[in-house]
Amino acid sequence: MSVFSKRCIAFLLSAAFISEANASNQPHSRAMAEIRYIYRLLCPQGCGDVALEKNPSINNAHAHIQGSLTGGGRSTIAYNPQFMNYYSLKYDKTVGFAVLAHEMGHHIEFYSGRFKTENPWHNELFADWWAGCALAKAGYPLEPTLNAFKEFSPNAGETHPAWPKRHAYLIEGYKKCSGIRNADDSRYPYGR
């Protein structure tokens, strides 16, 4: 079997775990392509089921988890297309990619059993780590995302830490995954 055939099969297998939402919330083809790419970058061995939906009624983007908090389960990532378009045009097209990667980071933490309901800041920081990792693996610049994410959360809130903490995790994820292409160790930022 050729390398090309193996890559096509791997792509089809990884794409099978990502489904589209119902017709009224059908994601844009670009968002679907990006989430599939992010899944392949961050979950080369697979990491459960993810659905993607467009939802203009939410403010930005979020991941909704379904299943046991001990790992496994399914996630639905929803995004507001106006939010994604605004920040992608204002900073760079890679910002939308980073937002989706952040939400995929929530899924990875949930799927791995590391999601913590009692500590939402933990979840946000590690989702930022995964966003930085995905940007590095894709070969995308970090600077536009740093600028956009700084605008998202300059101050701490109940669910999201202030910018300095988020900044550190984005950079750490980017550094850790720079030069790593689909290496299984990247799924375990602090070892196994």
C-alpha atoms as a PDB file:
ATOM      1  CA  MET A   1       0.000   0.000   0.000  1.00  0.00           C
ATOM      2  CA  SER A   2       1.380   3.402  -0.941  1.00  0.00           C
ATOM      3  CA  VAL A   3       2.054   6.185   1.562  1.00  0.00           C
ATOM      4  CA  PHE A   4      -0.689   8.194  -0.145  1.00  0.00           C
ATOM      5  CA  SER A   5      -3.205   5.354   0.330  1.00  0.00           C
ATOM      6  CA  LYS A   6      -2.256   5.020   3.995  1.00  0.00           C
ATOM      7  CA  ARG A   7      -2.729   8.769   4.505  1.00  0.00           C
ATOM      8  CA  CYS A   8      -6.129   8.661   2.784  1.00  0.00           C
ATOM      9  CA  ILE A   9      -7.252   5.775   4.980  1.00  0.00           C
ATOM     10  CA  ALA A  10      -5.980   7.555   8.112  1.00  0.00           C
ATOM     11  CA  PHE A  11      -7.860  10.704   7.064  1.00  0.00           C
ATOM     12  CA  LEU A  12     -11.066   8.789   6.455  1.00  0.00           C
ATOM     13  CA  LEU A  13     -10.787   7.047   9.804  1.00  0.00           C
ATOM     14  CA  SER A  14     -10.201  10.290  11.697  1.00  0.00           C
ATOM     15  CA  ALA A  15     -12.983  12.057   9.782  1.00  0.00           C
ATOM     16  CA  ALA A  16     -15.407   9.296  10.724  1.00  0.00           C
ATOM     17  CA  PHE A  17     -15.275  10.395  14.350  1.00  0.00           C
ATOM     18  CA  ILE A  18     -16.355  13.938  13.537  1.00  0.00           C
ATOM     19  CA  SER A  19     -19.941  14.451  12.552  1.00  0.00           C
ATOM     20  CA  GLU A  20     -21.944  17.419  11.433  1.00  0.00           C
ATOM     21  CA  ALA A  21     -24.890  18.683  13.425  1.00  0.00           C
ATOM     22  CA  ASN A  22     -28.444  18.762  12.108  1.00  0.00           C
ATOM     23  CA  ALA A  23     -29.185  20.610   8.876  1.00  0.00           C
ATOM     24  CA  SER A  24     -30.266  23.895  10.503  1.00  0.00           C
ATOM     25  CA  ASN A  25     -26.955  24.220  12.343  1.00  0.00           C
ATOM     26  CA  GLN A  26     -24.796  22.841   9.534  1.00  0.00           C
ATOM     27  CA  PRO A  27     -21.233  24.130   9.962  1.00  0.00           C
ATOM     28  CA  HIS A  28     -19.485  25.973   7.166  1.00  0.00           C
ATOM     29  CA  SER A  29     -17.214  23.763   5.060  1.00  0.00           C
ATOM     30  CA  ARG A  30     -14.146  25.695   6.243  1.00  0.00           C
ATOM     31  CA  ALA A  31     -14.999  25.096   9.906  1.00  0.00           C
ATOM     32  CA  MET A  32     -15.589  21.418   9.172  1.00  0.00           C
ATOM     33  CA  ALA A  33     -12.251  21.120   7.363  1.00  0.00           C
ATOM     34  CA  GLU A  34     -10.440  22.898  10.186  1.00  0.00           C
ATOM     35  CA  ILE A  35     -11.937  20.761  12.956  1.00  0.00           C
ATOM     36  CA  ARG A  36     -11.026  17.615  11.028  1.00  0.00           C
ATOM     37  CA  TYR A  37      -7.484  18.891  10.609  1.00  0.00           C
ATOM     38  CA  ILE A  38      -7.259  19.774  14.307  1.00  0.00           C
ATOM     39  CA  TYR A  39      -8.543  16.313  15.220  1.00  0.00           C
ATOM     40  CA  ARG A  40      -5.841  14.691  13.067  1.00  0.00           C
ATOM     41  CA  LEU A  41      -3.147  16.914  14.556  1.00  0.00           C
ATOM     42  CA  LEU A  42      -4.112  16.493  18.203  1.00  0.00           C
ATOM     43  CA  CYS A  43      -5.632  13.004  18.164  1.00  0.00           C
ATOM     44  CA  PRO A  44      -3.620  10.905  15.727  1.00  0.00           C
ATOM     45  CA  GLN A  45      -4.659   7.738  17.577  1.00  0.00           C
ATOM     46  CA  GLY A  46      -8.273   8.942  17.946  1.00  0.00           C
ATOM     47  CA  CYS A  47      -9.936  10.606  20.906  1.00  0.00           C
ATOM     48  CA  GLY A  48     -13.644   9.943  20.737  1.00  0.00           C
ATOM     49  CA  ASP A  49     -16.554  11.456  18.907  1.00  0.00           C
ATOM     50  CA  VAL A  50     -16.927  15.156  18.178  1.00  0.00           C
ATOM     51  CA  ALA A  51     -19.798  16.943  16.468  1.00  0.00           C
ATOM     52  CA  LEU A  52     -19.534  20.468  15.092  1.00  0.00           C
ATOM     53  CA  GLU A  53     -22.390  22.922  14.735  1.00  0.00           C
ATOM     54  CA  LYS A  54     -22.884  26.523  13.745  1.00  0.00           C
ATOM     55  CA  ASN A  55     -24.883  28.441  16.355  1.00  0.00           C
ATOM     56  CA  PRO A  56     -25.434  32.189  15.808  1.00  0.00           C
ATOM     57  CA  SER A  57     -27.240  32.496  19.165  1.00  0.00           C
ATOM     58  CA  ILE A  58     -24.109  31.932  21.297  1.00  0.00           C
ATOM     59  CA  ASN A  59     -21.560  34.681  21.935  1.00  0.00           C
ATOM     60  CA  ASN A  60     -18.406  32.929  20.729  1.00  0.00           C
ATOM     61  CA  ALA A  61     -17.716  29.179  20.823  1.00  0.00           C
ATOM     62  CA  HIS A  62     -18.084  26.371  23.334  1.00  0.00           C
ATOM     63  CA  ALA A  63     -17.768  22.632  23.766  1.00  0.00           C
ATOM     64  CA  HIS A  64     -20.630  20.728  25.320  1.00  0.00           C
ATOM     65  CA  ILE A  65     -19.667  17.374  26.775  1.00  0.00           C
ATOM     66  CA  GLN A  66     -21.916  14.356  27.031  1.00  0.00           C
ATOM     67  CA  GLY A  67     -21.114  11.214  28.951  1.00  0.00           C
ATOM     68  CA  SER A  68     -19.076  10.230  31.970  1.00  0.00           C
ATOM     69  CA  LEU A  69     -16.520  12.622  33.422  1.00  0.00           C
ATOM     70  CA  THR A  70     -14.176   9.664  33.934  1.00  0.00           C
ATOM     71  CA  GLY A  71     -13.307   9.689  30.243  1.00  0.00           C
ATOM     72  CA  GLY A  72     -14.818   8.717  26.932  1.00  0.00           C
ATOM     73  CA  GLY A  73     -18.036  10.256  25.755  1.00  0.00           C
ATOM     74  CA  ARG A  74     -18.906  12.701  23.017  1.00  0.00           C
ATOM     75  CA  SER A  75     -18.534  16.434  22.607  1.00  0.00           C
ATOM     76  CA  THR A  76     -20.389  18.954  20.497  1.00  0.00           C
ATOM     77  CA  ILE A  77     -18.429  22.035  19.527  1.00  0.00           C
ATOM     78  CA  ALA A  78     -20.610  25.006  18.637  1.00  0.00           C
ATOM     79  CA  TYR A  79     -19.406  28.290  17.197  1.00  0.00           C
ATOM     80  CA  ASN A  80     -20.903  31.639  16.278  1.00  0.00           C
ATOM     81  CA  PRO A  81     -19.915  32.382  12.653  1.00  0.00           C
ATOM     82  CA  GLN A  82     -20.008  36.177  13.183  1.00  0.00           C
ATOM     83  CA  PHE A  83     -17.590  35.868  16.117  1.00  0.00           C
ATOM     84  CA  MET A  84     -15.244  33.641  14.105  1.00  0.00           C
ATOM     85  CA  ASN A  85     -15.368  35.888  11.040  1.00  0.00           C
ATOM     86  CA  TYR A  86     -14.815  39.088  13.032  1.00  0.00           C
ATOM     87  CA  TYR A  87     -11.661  37.888  14.794  1.00  0.00           C
ATOM     88  CA  SER A  88     -10.322  36.050  11.767  1.00  0.00           C
ATOM     89  CA  LEU A  89     -10.607  39.224   9.688  1.00  0.00           C
ATOM     90  CA  LYS A  90      -9.349  41.511  12.449  1.00  0.00           C
ATOM     91  CA  TYR A  91      -6.240  39.472  13.295  1.00  0.00           C
ATOM     92  CA  ASP A  92      -5.639  36.533  10.955  1.00  0.00           C
ATOM     93  CA  LYS A  93      -7.470  33.531   9.532  1.00  0.00           C
ATOM     94  CA  THR A  94      -5.580  31.315  11.988  1.00  0.00           C
ATOM     95  CA  VAL A  95      -7.499  32.800  14.943  1.00  0.00           C
ATOM     96  CA  GLY A  96     -10.656  30.876  13.989  1.00  0.00           C
ATOM     97  CA  PHE A  97      -8.527  27.747  13.788  1.00  0.00           C
ATOM     98  CA  ALA A  98      -7.168  28.466  17.284  1.00  0.00           C
ATOM     99  CA  VAL A  99     -10.676  28.995  18.683  1.00  0.00           C
ATOM    100  CA  LEU A 100     -11.770  25.610  17.319  1.00  0.00           C
ATOM    101  CA  ALA A 101      -8.543  24.044  18.636  1.00  0.00           C
ATOM    102  CA  HIS A 102      -9.277  25.527  22.075  1.00  0.00           C
ATOM    103  CA  GLU A 103     -12.705  23.876  22.016  1.00  0.00           C
ATOM    104  CA  MET A 104     -11.134  20.616  20.820  1.00  0.00           C
ATOM    105  CA  GLY A 105      -8.815  20.957  23.819  1.00  0.00           C
ATOM    106  CA  HIS A 106     -11.872  20.822  26.071  1.00  0.00           C
ATOM    107  CA  HIS A 107     -12.911  17.631  24.299  1.00  0.00           C
ATOM    108  CA  ILE A 108      -9.454  16.075  24.745  1.00  0.00           C
ATOM    109  CA  GLU A 109      -9.405  16.914  28.455  1.00  0.00           C
ATOM    110  CA  PHE A 110     -12.906  15.470  28.821  1.00  0.00           C
ATOM    111  CA  TYR A 111     -12.163  12.369  26.782  1.00  0.00           C
ATOM    112  CA  SER A 112      -8.965  11.688  28.730  1.00  0.00           C
ATOM    113  CA  GLY A 113     -10.735  12.036  32.094  1.00  0.00           C
ATOM    114  CA  ARG A 114      -8.812  15.168  33.109  1.00  0.00           C
ATOM    115  CA  PHE A 115     -11.789  17.556  32.845  1.00  0.00           C
ATOM    116  CA  LYS A 116     -12.515  19.171  36.229  1.00  0.00           C
ATOM    117  CA  THR A 117     -16.001  20.486  36.942  1.00  0.00           C
ATOM    118  CA  GLU A 118     -14.887  22.017  40.233  1.00  0.00           C
ATOM    119  CA  ASN A 119     -12.113  24.057  38.631  1.00  0.00           C
ATOM    120  CA  PRO A 120     -13.191  25.752  35.372  1.00  0.00           C
ATOM    121  CA  TRP A 121      -9.949  27.739  35.138  1.00  0.00           C
ATOM    122  CA  HIS A 122      -8.034  24.449  34.882  1.00  0.00           C
ATOM    123  CA  ASN A 123     -10.162  23.478  31.893  1.00  0.00           C
ATOM    124  CA  GLU A 124      -9.688  26.825  30.161  1.00  0.00           C
ATOM    125  CA  LEU A 125      -5.935  26.873  30.659  1.00  0.00           C
ATOM    126  CA  PHE A 126      -5.472  23.390  29.266  1.00  0.00           C
ATOM    127  CA  ALA A 127      -7.773  24.172  26.336  1.00  0.00           C
ATOM    128  CA  ASP A 128      -5.458  27.117  25.636  1.00  0.00           C
ATOM    129  CA  TRP A 129      -2.471  24.750  25.880  1.00  0.00           C
ATOM    130  CA  TRP A 130      -4.060  22.520  23.223  1.00  0.00           C
ATOM    131  CA  ALA A 131      -4.800  25.543  21.015  1.00  0.00           C
ATOM    132  CA  GLY A 132      -1.131  26.544  21.157  1.00  0.00           C
ATOM    133  CA  CYS A 133      -0.133  22.960  20.392  1.00  0.00           C
ATOM    134  CA  ALA A 134      -2.437  22.760  17.357  1.00  0.00           C
ATOM    135  CA  LEU A 135      -1.119  26.055  15.981  1.00  0.00           C
ATOM    136  CA  ALA A 136       2.458  24.797  16.285  1.00  0.00           C
ATOM    137  CA  LYS A 137       1.711  21.435  14.685  1.00  0.00           C
ATOM    138  CA  ALA A 138      -0.068  23.166  11.797  1.00  0.00           C
ATOM    139  CA  GLY A 139       2.899  25.499  11.330  1.00  0.00           C
ATOM    140  CA  TYR A 140       0.751  28.573  12.002  1.00  0.00           C
ATOM    141  CA  PRO A 141       2.001  31.703  13.754  1.00  0.00           C
ATOM    142  CA  LEU A 142       1.136  32.239  17.414  1.00  0.00           C
ATOM    143  CA  GLU A 143       1.112  36.056  17.485  1.00  0.00           C
ATOM    144  CA  PRO A 144      -2.355  36.654  15.927  1.00  0.00           C
ATOM    145  CA  THR A 145      -3.932  34.249  18.427  1.00  0.00           C
ATOM    146  CA  LEU A 146      -2.129  35.874  21.354  1.00  0.00           C
ATOM    147  CA  ASN A 147      -3.507  39.263  20.294  1.00  0.00           C
ATOM    148  CA  ALA A 148      -7.048  37.986  19.769  1.00  0.00           C
ATOM    149  CA  PHE A 149      -7.198  35.891  22.952  1.00  0.00           C
ATOM    150  CA  LYS A 150      -5.918  38.877  24.932  1.00  0.00           C
ATOM    151  CA  GLU A 151      -8.941  40.778  23.691  1.00  0.00           C
ATOM    152  CA  PHE A 152     -11.263  37.854  24.608  1.00  0.00           C
ATOM    153  CA  SER A 153     -10.364  37.812  28.300  1.00  0.00           C
ATOM    154  CA  PRO A 154      -8.350  40.740  29.607  1.00  0.00           C
ATOM    155  CA  ASN A 155      -9.763  40.205  33.118  1.00  0.00           C
ATOM    156  CA  ALA A 156     -10.496  37.122  35.161  1.00  0.00           C
ATOM    157  CA  GLY A 157     -14.050  35.874  35.425  1.00  0.00           C
ATOM    158  CA  GLU A 158     -15.806  32.989  37.094  1.00  0.00           C
ATOM    159  CA  THR A 159     -15.036  30.556  34.272  1.00  0.00           C
ATOM    160  CA  HIS A 160     -12.026  32.116  32.523  1.00  0.00           C
ATOM    161  CA  PRO A 161      -8.712  33.287  33.973  1.00  0.00           C
ATOM    162  CA  ALA A 162      -7.216  36.655  33.109  1.00  0.00           C
ATOM    163  CA  TRP A 163      -4.942  37.090  30.133  1.00  0.00           C
ATOM    164  CA  PRO A 164      -1.513  36.583  31.781  1.00  0.00           C
ATOM    165  CA  LYS A 165      -2.307  32.978  32.759  1.00  0.00           C
ATOM    166  CA  ARG A 166      -3.879  32.183  29.404  1.00  0.00           C
ATOM    167  CA  HIS A 167      -0.915  33.742  27.612  1.00  0.00           C
ATOM    168  CA  ALA A 168       1.491  31.444  29.444  1.00  0.00           C
ATOM    169  CA  TYR A 169      -0.461  28.285  28.557  1.00  0.00           C
ATOM    170  CA  LEU A 170      -0.829  29.206  24.881  1.00  0.00           C
ATOM    171  CA  ILE A 171       2.920  29.770  24.652  1.00  0.00           C
ATOM    172  CA  GLU A 172       3.734  26.583  26.579  1.00  0.00           C
ATOM    173  CA  GLY A 173       1.527  24.459  24.293  1.00  0.00           C
ATOM    174  CA  TYR A 174       3.060  26.087  21.233  1.00  0.00           C
ATOM    175  CA  LYS A 175       6.612  25.513  22.446  1.00  0.00           C
ATOM    176  CA  LYS A 176       5.965  21.923  23.505  1.00  0.00           C
ATOM    177  CA  CYS A 177       4.472  20.970  20.135  1.00  0.00           C
ATOM    178  CA  SER A 178       6.751  22.980  17.841  1.00  0.00           C
ATOM    179  CA  GLY A 179       8.394  20.617  15.407  1.00  0.00           C
ATOM    180  CA  ILE A 180       6.258  17.683  16.556  1.00  0.00           C
ATOM    181  CA  ARG A 181       4.108  16.231  13.796  1.00  0.00           C
ATOM    182  CA  ASN A 182       1.470  13.828  15.084  1.00  0.00           C
ATOM    183  CA  ALA A 183       3.718  12.442  17.812  1.00  0.00           C
ATOM    184  CA  ASP A 184       1.677  10.450  20.318  1.00  0.00           C
ATOM    185  CA  ASP A 185       3.557  12.006  23.265  1.00  0.00           C
ATOM    186  CA  SER A 186       1.971  15.383  22.508  1.00  0.00           C
ATOM    187  CA  ARG A 187      -1.334  14.042  23.867  1.00  0.00           C
ATOM    188  CA  TYR A 188       0.264  13.920  27.323  1.00  0.00           C
ATOM    189  CA  PRO A 189       1.733  17.354  28.068  1.00  0.00           C
ATOM    190  CA  TYR A 190       2.899  16.333  31.530  1.00  0.00           C
ATOM    191  CA  GLY A 191       3.893  12.755  30.796  1.00  0.00           C
ATOM    192  CA  ARG A 192       1.959   9.530  31.119  1.00  0.00           C
END
